[in-house]
């Protein structure tokens, strides 16, 4: 698709004044590679290739006309594609094995997005000028929104953690945490997905910048959500520290295990790495697709790829299905509490909100009910 407007004029020295992606640009005919200098709005090389960059190859055009200003590493992107595929397989197995359906769905879509996104970057390694434009769109959209699904998995865990340690200690009910942060995550995801689609298919800088700004709003919202989530989690942890005698004794044998404590640390690390990644992407997009951060492969591989890999690894190998030792369903909660739920709670049934009020425990925390 042409990026040049129909109107152009020829200067006395043989250069052309053209409209490139909605910007007035000076084109200088040369015998070398065809390209575009964004800093001074100057095109150069073969005019027909600038008009139709889909026909570019590495022997005719420089990477300024490619989807990104570098050739994505085949080894690096294949590694990330493979490891996220491995995590995806494990999470599907764990979701079926432990019946962690909500968490499993979040991890499935998050990891699938990572696999597809890095597969598209592998395709860009083979065809950096991306004549169809599809690989760049898929890469941008998938790798932008995929971590939002991973964040949703973290948010779903907090409500059950509150049930396990004790709802009476928490400032909010478990379902309140879930509703607030899952809504924030969904809103962030919609903005990122819509903005990515607009920006990656734009034929003018004005439309492209509008899409980038939409993505930037979604990512900024995700950063704020993660920060508030981390703050509220720390506040609940502080309440637990200050009120050790108020912990729910029905789950003593669970939360005292090394496995469960490791799971909590894993969620903390995952939250931190996703937060770092999101801050990086906000800084990257604030410069636009042509900025230095967006075209720095090393920075992308570390602050995007490695950060999300650490988060997904913690959420996979320290899976809640394993950490809860078969009591994931017991620690569930209802979004609406009816009379039947109250009767179950009062009778000591740990189904639903997962709190047994009539159980009897020994000083060592052994349930004798």
Protein backbone atom coordinates (compact mmCIF):
# COMPACT_ATOMS: atom_id res chain seq x y z
CA UNK A 1 0.00 0.00 0.00
CA UNK A 2 1.31 3.43 -0.93
CA UNK A 3 2.34 5.78 1.85
CA UNK A 4 2.70 8.76 -0.52
CA UNK A 5 -0.07 11.21 -1.38
CA UNK A 6 -1.12 11.85 -4.97
CA UNK A 7 0.14 15.45 -4.98
CA UNK A 8 3.83 16.19 -5.41
CA UNK A 9 5.97 18.83 -7.03
CA UNK A 10 9.42 18.76 -8.66
CA UNK A 11 12.04 21.24 -7.52
CA UNK A 12 14.61 22.81 -9.93
CA UNK A 13 17.40 20.65 -8.46
CA UNK A 14 15.50 17.43 -9.21
CA UNK A 15 14.25 16.75 -5.69
CA UNK A 16 10.55 16.26 -5.01
CA UNK A 17 8.15 17.68 -2.46
CA UNK A 18 5.81 14.84 -1.54
CA UNK A 19 3.24 13.94 1.11
CA UNK A 20 4.61 10.97 3.10
CA UNK A 21 2.16 9.49 5.63
CA UNK A 22 0.44 12.83 5.91
CA UNK A 23 3.69 14.80 6.29
CA UNK A 24 5.32 17.15 3.81
CA UNK A 25 8.56 15.39 2.87
CA UNK A 26 11.54 16.15 0.68
CA UNK A 27 12.51 13.24 -1.58
CA UNK A 28 16.07 13.03 -2.93
CA UNK A 29 16.60 10.58 -5.83
CA UNK A 30 19.77 8.48 -5.34
CA UNK A 31 21.26 5.28 -6.67
CA UNK A 32 21.62 3.72 -3.21
CA UNK A 33 19.16 2.05 -0.85
CA UNK A 34 15.71 3.56 -0.56
CA UNK A 35 14.71 4.82 2.86
CA UNK A 36 13.24 7.58 5.00
CA UNK A 37 14.82 9.82 7.63
CA UNK A 38 12.13 10.62 10.19
CA UNK A 39 14.19 13.28 11.93
CA UNK A 40 14.22 15.70 8.98
CA UNK A 41 11.32 14.24 6.93
CA UNK A 42 13.55 13.26 4.03
CA UNK A 43 13.11 10.33 1.69
CA UNK A 44 15.84 9.03 -0.58
CA UNK A 45 16.59 6.34 -3.15
CA UNK A 46 14.10 5.00 -5.68
CA UNK A 47 10.82 6.92 -5.73
CA UNK A 48 8.77 3.92 -6.88
CA UNK A 49 9.96 1.87 -3.89
CA UNK A 50 9.11 4.68 -1.49
CA UNK A 51 5.63 4.82 -3.04
CA UNK A 52 5.28 1.02 -2.80
CA UNK A 53 7.45 -0.16 0.12
CA UNK A 54 5.76 -3.58 -0.05
CA UNK A 55 8.19 -4.33 -2.89
CA UNK A 56 11.25 -3.63 -0.72
CA UNK A 57 13.96 -6.19 -0.04
CA UNK A 58 17.14 -5.92 2.01
CA UNK A 59 19.06 -5.33 -1.23
CA UNK A 60 16.89 -2.38 -2.34
CA UNK A 61 15.72 -0.65 0.88
CA UNK A 62 17.15 0.04 4.31
CA UNK A 63 15.35 -0.89 7.53
CA UNK A 64 13.83 2.58 7.91
CA UNK A 65 11.07 1.27 5.60
CA UNK A 66 10.73 -2.03 7.47
CA UNK A 67 8.15 -2.80 10.15
CA UNK A 68 10.82 -2.11 12.79
CA UNK A 69 14.33 -0.68 12.46
CA UNK A 70 16.11 -3.95 13.17
CA UNK A 71 15.85 -7.58 12.12
CA UNK A 72 14.33 -9.53 15.04
CA UNK A 73 16.68 -12.16 16.44
CA UNK A 74 15.68 -15.61 15.23
CA UNK A 75 17.29 -17.42 18.17
CA UNK A 76 15.96 -15.05 20.83
CA UNK A 77 12.39 -14.99 19.57
CA UNK A 78 12.35 -18.74 18.94
CA UNK A 79 13.47 -19.24 22.56
CA UNK A 80 10.64 -17.10 23.93
CA UNK A 81 8.12 -18.72 21.59
CA UNK A 82 9.20 -22.18 22.74
CA UNK A 83 9.28 -21.42 26.46
CA UNK A 84 5.85 -19.78 26.43
CA UNK A 85 4.54 -22.77 24.47
CA UNK A 86 5.97 -25.04 27.16
CA UNK A 87 4.32 -22.95 29.90
CA UNK A 88 1.05 -23.08 27.96
CA UNK A 89 1.11 -26.89 27.84
CA UNK A 90 1.83 -27.14 31.58
CA UNK A 91 -0.93 -24.69 32.48
CA UNK A 92 -3.53 -26.55 30.43
CA UNK A 93 -2.54 -29.75 32.24
CA UNK A 94 -2.66 -28.07 35.67
CA UNK A 95 -6.03 -26.43 34.95
CA UNK A 96 -7.53 -29.83 34.17
CA UNK A 97 -5.70 -31.60 36.99
CA UNK A 98 -6.56 -29.10 39.74
CA UNK A 99 -9.75 -27.60 38.22
CA UNK A 100 -8.40 -24.06 38.48
CA UNK A 101 -10.62 -22.92 35.62
CA UNK A 102 -10.58 -19.13 36.01
CA UNK A 103 -6.84 -19.03 36.57
CA UNK A 104 -6.35 -21.53 33.77
CA UNK A 105 -8.32 -19.47 31.24
CA UNK A 106 -6.32 -16.34 32.11
CA UNK A 107 -3.03 -18.18 31.73
CA UNK A 108 -4.16 -19.87 28.52
CA UNK A 109 -4.99 -16.65 26.69
CA UNK A 110 -1.99 -14.82 28.12
CA UNK A 111 0.50 -17.50 27.12
CA UNK A 112 -1.18 -18.13 23.76
CA UNK A 113 -0.83 -14.42 23.00
CA UNK A 114 2.87 -14.60 23.85
CA UNK A 115 3.40 -17.63 21.58
CA UNK A 116 1.59 -16.02 18.64
CA UNK A 117 3.34 -12.68 19.17
CA UNK A 118 6.82 -14.19 19.14
CA UNK A 119 5.93 -16.42 16.20
CA UNK A 120 5.09 -13.22 14.30
CA UNK A 121 8.46 -11.73 15.26
CA UNK A 122 10.10 -14.87 13.85
CA UNK A 123 8.20 -14.24 10.60
CA UNK A 124 9.52 -10.65 10.61
CA UNK A 125 13.04 -12.05 10.82
CA UNK A 126 12.45 -13.77 7.48
CA UNK A 127 10.54 -10.88 5.93
CA UNK A 128 11.40 -7.62 7.75
CA UNK A 129 9.46 -5.45 5.29
CA UNK A 130 6.29 -7.47 5.97
CA UNK A 131 4.51 -6.89 2.63
CA UNK A 132 1.09 -7.86 4.04
CA UNK A 133 1.52 -5.91 7.28
CA UNK A 134 -0.17 -8.76 9.16
CA UNK A 135 2.87 -9.99 11.08
CA UNK A 136 3.57 -6.54 12.53
CA UNK A 137 -0.09 -6.13 13.54
CA UNK A 138 -0.17 -9.54 15.22
CA UNK A 139 3.13 -8.96 17.00
CA UNK A 140 2.14 -5.52 18.32
CA UNK A 141 -1.37 -6.47 19.45
CA UNK A 142 -0.56 -9.89 20.95
CA UNK A 143 2.55 -8.92 22.90
CA UNK A 144 0.86 -5.75 24.13
CA UNK A 145 -2.31 -7.34 25.52
CA UNK A 146 -1.10 -10.83 26.53
CA UNK A 147 0.38 -9.76 29.91
CA UNK A 148 -3.02 -8.28 30.85
CA UNK A 149 -4.38 -11.83 30.94
CA UNK A 150 -1.51 -12.89 33.19
CA UNK A 151 -2.32 -9.98 35.50
CA UNK A 152 -5.92 -11.23 35.65
CA UNK A 153 -4.63 -14.58 36.91
CA UNK A 154 -2.81 -12.81 39.73
CA UNK A 155 -5.92 -10.80 40.62
CA UNK A 156 -8.00 -13.99 40.84
CA UNK A 157 -5.58 -15.42 43.40
CA UNK A 158 -5.85 -12.53 45.85
CA UNK A 159 -9.50 -13.19 46.70
CA UNK A 160 -8.76 -16.81 47.60
CA UNK A 161 -5.69 -15.81 49.61
CA UNK A 162 -7.93 -13.52 51.66
CA UNK A 163 -10.36 -16.40 52.24
CA UNK A 164 -7.52 -18.67 53.39
CA UNK A 165 -5.99 -16.24 55.89
CA UNK A 166 -9.23 -14.65 57.02
CA UNK A 167 -11.83 -12.31 55.56
CA UNK A 168 -12.30 -10.57 58.91
CA UNK A 169 -8.76 -9.19 58.69
CA UNK A 170 -9.21 -7.75 55.20
CA UNK A 171 -10.38 -4.21 54.55
CA UNK A 172 -12.46 -5.50 51.59
CA UNK A 173 -14.32 -8.70 50.81
CA UNK A 174 -12.59 -11.17 48.46
CA UNK A 175 -15.11 -10.60 45.70
CA UNK A 176 -14.50 -6.83 45.91
CA UNK A 177 -10.82 -7.30 45.08
CA UNK A 178 -11.72 -9.57 42.16
CA UNK A 179 -14.42 -7.31 40.73
CA UNK A 180 -12.35 -4.12 40.93
CA UNK A 181 -9.11 -5.43 39.49
CA UNK A 182 -10.60 -7.73 36.84
CA UNK A 183 -12.70 -4.80 35.59
CA UNK A 184 -9.58 -2.61 35.48
CA UNK A 185 -7.74 -5.37 33.63
CA UNK A 186 -10.54 -5.76 31.09
CA UNK A 187 -10.73 -2.01 30.48
CA UNK A 188 -6.96 -1.85 30.04
CA UNK A 189 -7.03 -4.80 27.66
CA UNK A 190 -9.73 -3.22 25.46
CA UNK A 191 -7.80 0.05 25.17
CA UNK A 192 -4.53 -1.72 24.35
CA UNK A 193 -6.10 -4.02 21.77
CA UNK A 194 -8.05 -1.25 20.04
CA UNK A 195 -5.10 1.12 20.03
CA UNK A 196 -2.74 -1.54 18.71
CA UNK A 197 -5.08 -2.36 15.84
CA UNK A 198 -5.48 1.30 14.88
CA UNK A 199 -1.80 2.19 15.14
CA UNK A 200 -0.45 -0.82 13.27
CA UNK A 201 -2.82 -0.36 10.28
CA UNK A 202 -2.60 3.45 10.04
CA UNK A 203 -1.61 5.11 6.76
CA UNK A 204 -0.88 8.49 8.31
CA UNK A 205 1.07 9.74 11.29
CA UNK A 206 -2.05 11.39 12.68
CA UNK A 207 -4.03 8.12 12.79
CA UNK A 208 -0.98 6.16 13.95
CA UNK A 209 -0.41 8.56 16.82
CA UNK A 210 -4.07 8.30 17.80
CA UNK A 211 -3.74 4.52 18.05
CA UNK A 212 -0.49 4.83 19.99
CA UNK A 213 -2.12 7.23 22.43
CA UNK A 214 -4.97 4.75 22.96
CA UNK A 215 -2.48 1.96 23.63
CA UNK A 216 -0.57 4.28 25.92
CA UNK A 217 -3.73 5.02 27.89
CA UNK A 218 -4.42 1.29 28.28
CA UNK A 219 -0.88 0.50 29.40
CA UNK A 220 -0.83 3.46 31.79
CA UNK A 221 -4.09 2.25 33.27
CA UNK A 222 -2.54 -1.20 33.70
CA UNK A 223 0.48 0.28 35.48
CA UNK A 224 -1.78 2.18 37.87
CA UNK A 225 -3.92 -0.93 38.46
CA UNK A 226 -0.87 -3.08 39.23
CA UNK A 227 0.48 -0.44 41.58
CA UNK A 228 -2.82 -0.17 43.48
CA UNK A 229 -3.09 -3.97 43.56
CA UNK A 230 0.41 -4.28 45.01
CA UNK A 231 -0.37 -1.56 47.57
CA UNK A 232 -3.60 -3.23 48.68
CA UNK A 233 -1.88 -6.62 48.86
CA UNK A 234 0.85 -5.18 51.05
CA UNK A 235 -1.77 -3.50 53.22
CA UNK A 236 -3.49 -6.86 53.74
CA UNK A 237 -0.14 -8.50 54.48
CA UNK A 238 0.53 -5.83 57.10
CA UNK A 239 -2.86 -6.52 58.69
CA UNK A 240 -1.95 -10.23 58.85
CA UNK A 241 1.34 -9.35 60.50
CA UNK A 242 -0.38 -7.19 63.09
CA UNK A 243 -3.16 -9.71 63.82
CA UNK A 244 -1.57 -13.21 63.88
CA UNK A 245 -4.18 -14.50 66.34
CA UNK A 246 -7.02 -13.67 63.94
CA UNK A 247 -5.88 -15.92 61.11
CA UNK A 248 -8.45 -18.50 59.99
CA UNK A 249 -7.49 -21.75 61.74
CA UNK A 250 -9.41 -23.84 59.21
CA UNK A 251 -6.49 -23.40 56.80
CA UNK A 252 -3.56 -23.53 59.24
CA UNK A 253 -2.19 -26.72 57.73
CA UNK A 254 -2.27 -25.02 54.32
CA UNK A 255 -0.74 -21.58 54.82
CA UNK A 256 2.04 -22.90 57.07
CA UNK A 257 3.47 -25.06 54.29
CA UNK A 258 6.61 -24.08 52.39
CA UNK A 259 4.72 -24.72 49.18
CA UNK A 260 2.06 -22.12 49.94
CA UNK A 261 4.60 -19.56 51.15
CA UNK A 262 6.58 -20.09 47.92
CA UNK A 263 3.38 -19.52 45.95
CA UNK A 264 2.90 -16.16 47.70
CA UNK A 265 6.48 -15.14 46.91
CA UNK A 266 5.96 -16.25 43.31
CA UNK A 267 2.91 -14.01 42.96
CA UNK A 268 4.92 -11.12 44.39
CA UNK A 269 7.75 -11.62 41.88
CA UNK A 270 5.24 -11.99 39.02
CA UNK A 271 3.51 -8.75 40.01
CA UNK A 272 6.83 -6.90 40.20
CA UNK A 273 8.11 -8.14 36.83
CA UNK A 274 4.80 -7.40 35.07
CA UNK A 275 4.88 -3.92 36.61
CA UNK A 276 8.44 -3.34 35.32
CA UNK A 277 7.41 -4.57 31.88
CA UNK A 278 4.36 -2.31 31.79
CA UNK A 279 6.36 0.76 32.84
CA UNK A 280 8.85 -0.03 30.07
CA UNK A 281 6.09 -0.32 27.47
CA UNK A 282 4.60 3.01 28.57
CA UNK A 283 8.02 4.66 28.13
CA UNK A 284 8.47 2.90 24.79
CA UNK A 285 5.11 3.93 23.36
CA UNK A 286 5.45 7.49 24.61
CA UNK A 287 8.19 7.84 21.95
CA UNK A 288 6.07 6.21 19.22
CA UNK A 289 6.93 3.28 16.96
CA UNK A 290 9.93 5.17 15.58
CA UNK A 291 11.40 6.02 18.97
CA UNK A 292 14.72 4.74 20.27
CA UNK A 293 13.13 2.35 22.81
CA UNK A 294 10.75 0.82 20.26
CA UNK A 295 13.71 0.06 18.00
CA UNK A 296 16.12 -1.21 20.64
CA UNK A 297 16.10 -4.99 20.38
CA UNK A 298 18.20 -5.65 23.50
CA UNK A 299 15.90 -3.53 25.64
CA UNK A 300 12.83 -5.29 24.25
CA UNK A 301 14.22 -8.77 24.86
CA UNK A 302 15.12 -7.99 28.48
CA UNK A 303 12.35 -5.64 29.64
CA UNK A 304 9.54 -7.30 27.66
CA UNK A 305 10.56 -10.88 26.95
CA UNK A 306 12.57 -11.71 30.07
CA UNK A 307 10.23 -9.90 32.49
CA UNK A 308 7.13 -11.70 31.18
CA UNK A 309 9.03 -15.00 31.13
CA UNK A 310 9.91 -14.64 34.83
CA UNK A 311 6.30 -13.74 35.65
CA UNK A 312 4.86 -16.64 33.66
CA UNK A 313 7.44 -19.02 35.12
CA UNK A 314 6.51 -18.08 38.69
CA UNK A 315 2.82 -18.45 37.91
CA UNK A 316 3.40 -21.84 36.27
CA UNK A 317 5.90 -23.61 38.53
CA UNK A 318 4.36 -22.12 41.68
CA UNK A 319 0.88 -22.88 40.42
CA UNK A 320 -2.03 -22.25 42.84
CA UNK A 321 -3.43 -25.71 42.15
CA UNK A 322 -0.28 -27.20 43.67
CA UNK A 323 0.05 -24.58 46.41
CA UNK A 324 -3.53 -25.00 47.63
CA UNK A 325 -3.05 -28.79 47.92
CA UNK A 326 -6.45 -29.60 46.44
CA UNK A 327 -8.30 -26.86 48.37
CA UNK A 328 -8.54 -24.29 45.57
CA UNK A 329 -12.29 -24.91 45.30
CA UNK A 330 -12.67 -24.76 49.09
CA UNK A 331 -11.20 -21.26 49.08
CA UNK A 332 -13.70 -20.06 46.51
CA UNK A 333 -16.14 -17.23 47.19
CA UNK A 334 -19.46 -16.10 45.73
CA UNK A 335 -20.07 -12.75 44.10
CA UNK A 336 -23.51 -12.72 45.72
CA UNK A 337 -24.09 -14.07 49.18
CA UNK A 338 -27.48 -15.53 49.95
CA UNK A 339 -29.14 -17.14 52.96
CA UNK A 340 -27.93 -20.58 51.92
CA UNK A 341 -24.35 -19.40 51.89
CA UNK A 342 -24.68 -18.07 55.44
CA UNK A 343 -26.19 -21.33 56.67
CA UNK A 344 -23.34 -23.31 55.12
CA UNK A 345 -20.80 -21.05 56.76
CA UNK A 346 -22.43 -21.32 60.16
CA UNK A 347 -22.62 -25.09 59.86
CA UNK A 348 -18.87 -25.30 59.22
CA UNK A 349 -19.12 -26.16 55.52
CA UNK A 350 -15.96 -24.83 53.85
CA UNK A 351 -17.49 -24.81 50.39
CA UNK A 352 -18.28 -21.38 48.92
CA UNK A 353 -16.43 -18.72 50.87
CA UNK A 354 -14.09 -21.32 52.28
CA UNK A 355 -14.31 -20.40 55.99
CA UNK A 356 -15.28 -22.98 58.57
CA UNK A 357 -16.46 -21.15 61.65
CA UNK A 358 -17.37 -24.21 63.71
CA UNK A 359 -14.19 -26.22 63.31
CA UNK A 360 -12.13 -27.01 66.39
CA UNK A 361 -8.36 -26.86 66.37
CA UNK A 362 -5.64 -27.88 68.76
CA UNK A 363 -2.91 -25.40 69.83
CA UNK A 364 -0.77 -26.85 67.03
CA UNK A 365 -3.38 -25.90 64.46
CA UNK A 366 -4.66 -29.46 63.73
CA UNK A 367 -8.27 -29.49 62.65
CA UNK A 368 -10.25 -31.82 64.96
CA UNK A 369 -13.70 -31.19 63.49
